[in-house]
Amino acid sequence: MKKSDDFYSRVYEIVKCIPSGKVTTYGLIAEFLGAKSSSRMVGWALNAVIDRIDIPCHRVVNRLGELSGKMHFDHPQQMKDRLLAEHVEFIGEAVDLSKHLWKPDDALTDL
């Protein structure tokens, strides 16, 4: 198993924990995994499984709440539509992080 495979698996386990109606950021996932400067690698991991319904990739946004991964869905509006269906609120085109940000915490340390 390559080191990146393990990293990707850990990313997926965190993303599976994001509750409906909440989002987190690529950077918060990377930081939680001890790889603070690897937010781009988190994005690559999610791009590899964008169609798996058991991994809610639509709940991961950039640090500003913007849907920077939307182009990897079947159509660019799909990511926003999924979030809206979960009652996630937006300010313009960005998620209202003051209401919907979820941070990985110590409860996930066994991942």
C-alpha atoms as a PDB file:
ATOM      1  CA  MET A   1       0.000   0.000   0.000  1.00  0.00           C
ATOM      2  CA  LYS A   2       1.329   3.404  -0.971  1.00  0.00           C
ATOM      3  CA  LYS A   3       1.467   6.172   1.602  1.00  0.00           C
ATOM      4  CA  SER A   4      -1.044   8.192  -0.450  1.00  0.00           C
ATOM      5  CA  ASP A   5      -3.512   5.266  -0.328  1.00  0.00           C
ATOM      6  CA  ASP A   6      -3.481   5.428   3.457  1.00  0.00           C
ATOM      7  CA  PHE A   7      -3.900   9.215   3.372  1.00  0.00           C
ATOM      8  CA  TYR A   8      -6.804   8.907   0.947  1.00  0.00           C
ATOM      9  CA  SER A   9      -8.500   6.279   3.128  1.00  0.00           C
ATOM     10  CA  ARG A  10      -8.204   8.538   6.149  1.00  0.00           C
ATOM     11  CA  VAL A  11      -9.682  11.448   4.159  1.00  0.00           C
ATOM     12  CA  TYR A  12     -12.661   9.267   3.192  1.00  0.00           C
ATOM     13  CA  GLU A  13     -13.289   8.237   6.794  1.00  0.00           C
ATOM     14  CA  ILE A  14     -13.374  11.875   7.899  1.00  0.00           C
ATOM     15  CA  VAL A  15     -15.670  12.930   5.065  1.00  0.00           C
ATOM     16  CA  LYS A  16     -18.079  10.119   5.959  1.00  0.00           C
ATOM     17  CA  CYS A  17     -18.385  11.703   9.432  1.00  0.00           C
ATOM     18  CA  ILE A  18     -19.514  15.136   8.218  1.00  0.00           C
ATOM     19  CA  PRO A  19     -23.154  15.474   9.292  1.00  0.00           C
ATOM     20  CA  SER A  20     -25.892  16.374   6.854  1.00  0.00           C
ATOM     21  CA  GLY A  21     -26.318  20.156   6.747  1.00  0.00           C
ATOM     22  CA  LYS A  22     -22.655  20.768   7.587  1.00  0.00           C
ATOM     23  CA  VAL A  23     -19.496  21.286   5.549  1.00  0.00           C
ATOM     24  CA  THR A  24     -15.800  21.248   6.245  1.00  0.00           C
ATOM     25  CA  THR A  25     -12.797  22.471   4.291  1.00  0.00           C
ATOM     26  CA  TYR A  26      -9.983  20.726   2.475  1.00  0.00           C
ATOM     27  CA  GLY A  27      -7.563  22.499   4.798  1.00  0.00           C
ATOM     28  CA  LEU A  28      -9.285  21.426   8.019  1.00  0.00           C
ATOM     29  CA  ILE A  29      -9.184  17.807   6.884  1.00  0.00           C
ATOM     30  CA  ALA A  30      -5.499  18.097   5.967  1.00  0.00           C
ATOM     31  CA  GLU A  31      -4.689  19.786   9.276  1.00  0.00           C
ATOM     32  CA  PHE A  32      -6.561  17.114  11.244  1.00  0.00           C
ATOM     33  CA  LEU A  33      -4.508  14.459   9.456  1.00  0.00           C
ATOM     34  CA  GLY A  34      -1.283  16.203  10.432  1.00  0.00           C
ATOM     35  CA  ALA A  35      -0.568  17.407   6.914  1.00  0.00           C
ATOM     36  CA  LYS A  36      -1.609  21.050   7.147  1.00  0.00           C
ATOM     37  CA  SER A  37      -0.148  22.002   3.766  1.00  0.00           C
ATOM     38  CA  SER A  38      -1.817  19.100   1.939  1.00  0.00           C
ATOM     39  CA  SER A  39      -5.276  20.525   1.264  1.00  0.00           C
ATOM     40  CA  ARG A  40      -4.752  20.005  -2.461  1.00  0.00           C
ATOM     41  CA  MET A  41      -4.072  16.310  -1.832  1.00  0.00           C
ATOM     42  CA  VAL A  42      -7.403  16.112   0.028  1.00  0.00           C
ATOM     43  CA  GLY A  43      -9.033  17.459  -3.136  1.00  0.00           C
ATOM     44  CA  TRP A  44      -7.305  14.826  -5.248  1.00  0.00           C
ATOM     45  CA  ALA A  45      -8.527  12.112  -2.886  1.00  0.00           C
ATOM     46  CA  LEU A  46     -12.108  13.333  -3.175  1.00  0.00           C
ATOM     47  CA  ASN A  47     -11.910  13.680  -6.935  1.00  0.00           C
ATOM     48  CA  ALA A  48     -11.007   9.991  -7.088  1.00  0.00           C
ATOM     49  CA  VAL A  49     -14.339   8.983  -5.478  1.00  0.00           C
ATOM     50  CA  ILE A  50     -16.721  11.741  -6.514  1.00  0.00           C
ATOM     51  CA  ASP A  51     -19.408   9.242  -7.583  1.00  0.00           C
ATOM     52  CA  ARG A  52     -19.440   7.130  -4.425  1.00  0.00           C
ATOM     53  CA  ILE A  53     -22.613   7.967  -2.546  1.00  0.00           C
ATOM     54  CA  ASP A  54     -21.165   6.666   0.737  1.00  0.00           C
ATOM     55  CA  ILE A  55     -18.590   9.484   0.703  1.00  0.00           C
ATOM     56  CA  PRO A  56     -20.389  12.876   0.736  1.00  0.00           C
ATOM     57  CA  CYS A  57     -17.779  14.837  -1.223  1.00  0.00           C
ATOM     58  CA  HIS A  58     -20.269  17.660  -1.729  1.00  0.00           C
ATOM     59  CA  ARG A  59     -19.785  18.582   1.952  1.00  0.00           C
ATOM     60  CA  VAL A  60     -16.166  19.676   1.428  1.00  0.00           C
ATOM     61  CA  VAL A  61     -15.564  23.276   0.347  1.00  0.00           C
ATOM     62  CA  ASN A  62     -12.605  25.615   0.178  1.00  0.00           C
ATOM     63  CA  ARG A  63     -11.537  27.852   3.062  1.00  0.00           C
ATOM     64  CA  LEU A  64     -13.882  30.626   1.911  1.00  0.00           C
ATOM     65  CA  GLY A  65     -16.894  28.324   1.678  1.00  0.00           C
ATOM     66  CA  GLU A  66     -16.765  28.310  -2.099  1.00  0.00           C
ATOM     67  CA  LEU A  67     -17.643  25.212  -4.099  1.00  0.00           C
ATOM     68  CA  SER A  68     -14.262  24.801  -5.748  1.00  0.00           C
ATOM     69  CA  GLY A  69     -14.929  21.101  -6.433  1.00  0.00           C
ATOM     70  CA  LYS A  70     -18.188  21.659  -8.296  1.00  0.00           C
ATOM     71  CA  MET A  71     -16.649  21.006 -11.714  1.00  0.00           C
ATOM     72  CA  HIS A  72     -15.983  17.387 -10.738  1.00  0.00           C
ATOM     73  CA  PHE A  73     -19.684  16.551 -10.409  1.00  0.00           C
ATOM     74  CA  ASP A  74     -21.974  15.508 -13.274  1.00  0.00           C
ATOM     75  CA  HIS A  75     -22.922  19.155 -13.682  1.00  0.00           C
ATOM     76  CA  PRO A  76     -21.579  22.230 -11.856  1.00  0.00           C
ATOM     77  CA  GLN A  77     -24.871  22.941 -10.051  1.00  0.00           C
ATOM     78  CA  GLN A  78     -25.107  19.417  -8.554  1.00  0.00           C
ATOM     79  CA  MET A  79     -22.837  20.161  -5.588  1.00  0.00           C
ATOM     80  CA  LYS A  80     -24.856  23.234  -4.619  1.00  0.00           C
ATOM     81  CA  ASP A  81     -28.139  21.395  -5.172  1.00  0.00           C
ATOM     82  CA  ARG A  82     -27.074  18.640  -2.768  1.00  0.00           C
ATOM     83  CA  LEU A  83     -26.111  21.185  -0.123  1.00  0.00           C
ATOM     84  CA  LEU A  84     -29.353  23.116  -0.570  1.00  0.00           C
ATOM     85  CA  ALA A  85     -31.283  19.859  -0.154  1.00  0.00           C
ATOM     86  CA  GLU A  86     -29.559  19.554   3.249  1.00  0.00           C
ATOM     87  CA  HIS A  87     -30.666  23.113   4.136  1.00  0.00           C
ATOM     88  CA  VAL A  88     -27.174  24.562   3.874  1.00  0.00           C
ATOM     89  CA  GLU A  89     -27.393  28.339   3.501  1.00  0.00           C
ATOM     90  CA  PHE A  90     -25.308  30.437   1.155  1.00  0.00           C
ATOM     91  CA  ILE A  91     -24.085  33.999   1.124  1.00  0.00           C
ATOM     92  CA  GLY A  92     -23.824  34.676  -2.574  1.00  0.00           C
ATOM     93  CA  GLU A  93     -22.056  31.633  -3.999  1.00  0.00           C
ATOM     94  CA  ALA A  94     -20.305  30.630  -0.749  1.00  0.00           C
ATOM     95  CA  VAL A  95     -21.594  28.460   2.089  1.00  0.00           C
ATOM     96  CA  ASP A  96     -22.360  30.440   5.248  1.00  0.00           C
ATOM     97  CA  LEU A  97     -19.519  28.937   7.268  1.00  0.00           C
ATOM     98  CA  SER A  98     -20.663  30.729  10.430  1.00  0.00           C
ATOM     99  CA  LYS A  99     -23.706  28.434  10.429  1.00  0.00           C
ATOM    100  CA  HIS A 100     -22.564  25.264   8.710  1.00  0.00           C
ATOM    101  CA  LEU A 101     -18.847  24.683   9.382  1.00  0.00           C
ATOM    102  CA  TRP A 102     -18.014  21.310  10.938  1.00  0.00           C
ATOM    103  CA  LYS A 103     -14.514  20.708  12.269  1.00  0.00           C
ATOM    104  CA  PRO A 104     -12.957  17.299  12.737  1.00  0.00           C
ATOM    105  CA  ASP A 105     -12.216  16.956  16.432  1.00  0.00           C
ATOM    106  CA  ASP A 106     -10.708  14.661  19.002  1.00  0.00           C
ATOM    107  CA  ALA A 107     -13.681  12.300  18.702  1.00  0.00           C
ATOM    108  CA  LEU A 108     -12.188  11.221  15.374  1.00  0.00           C
ATOM    109  CA  THR A 109      -8.645  10.552  16.617  1.00  0.00           C
ATOM    110  CA  ASP A 110      -8.920   6.818  15.941  1.00  0.00           C
ATOM    111  CA  LEU A 111      -9.122   7.427  12.184  1.00  0.00           C
END
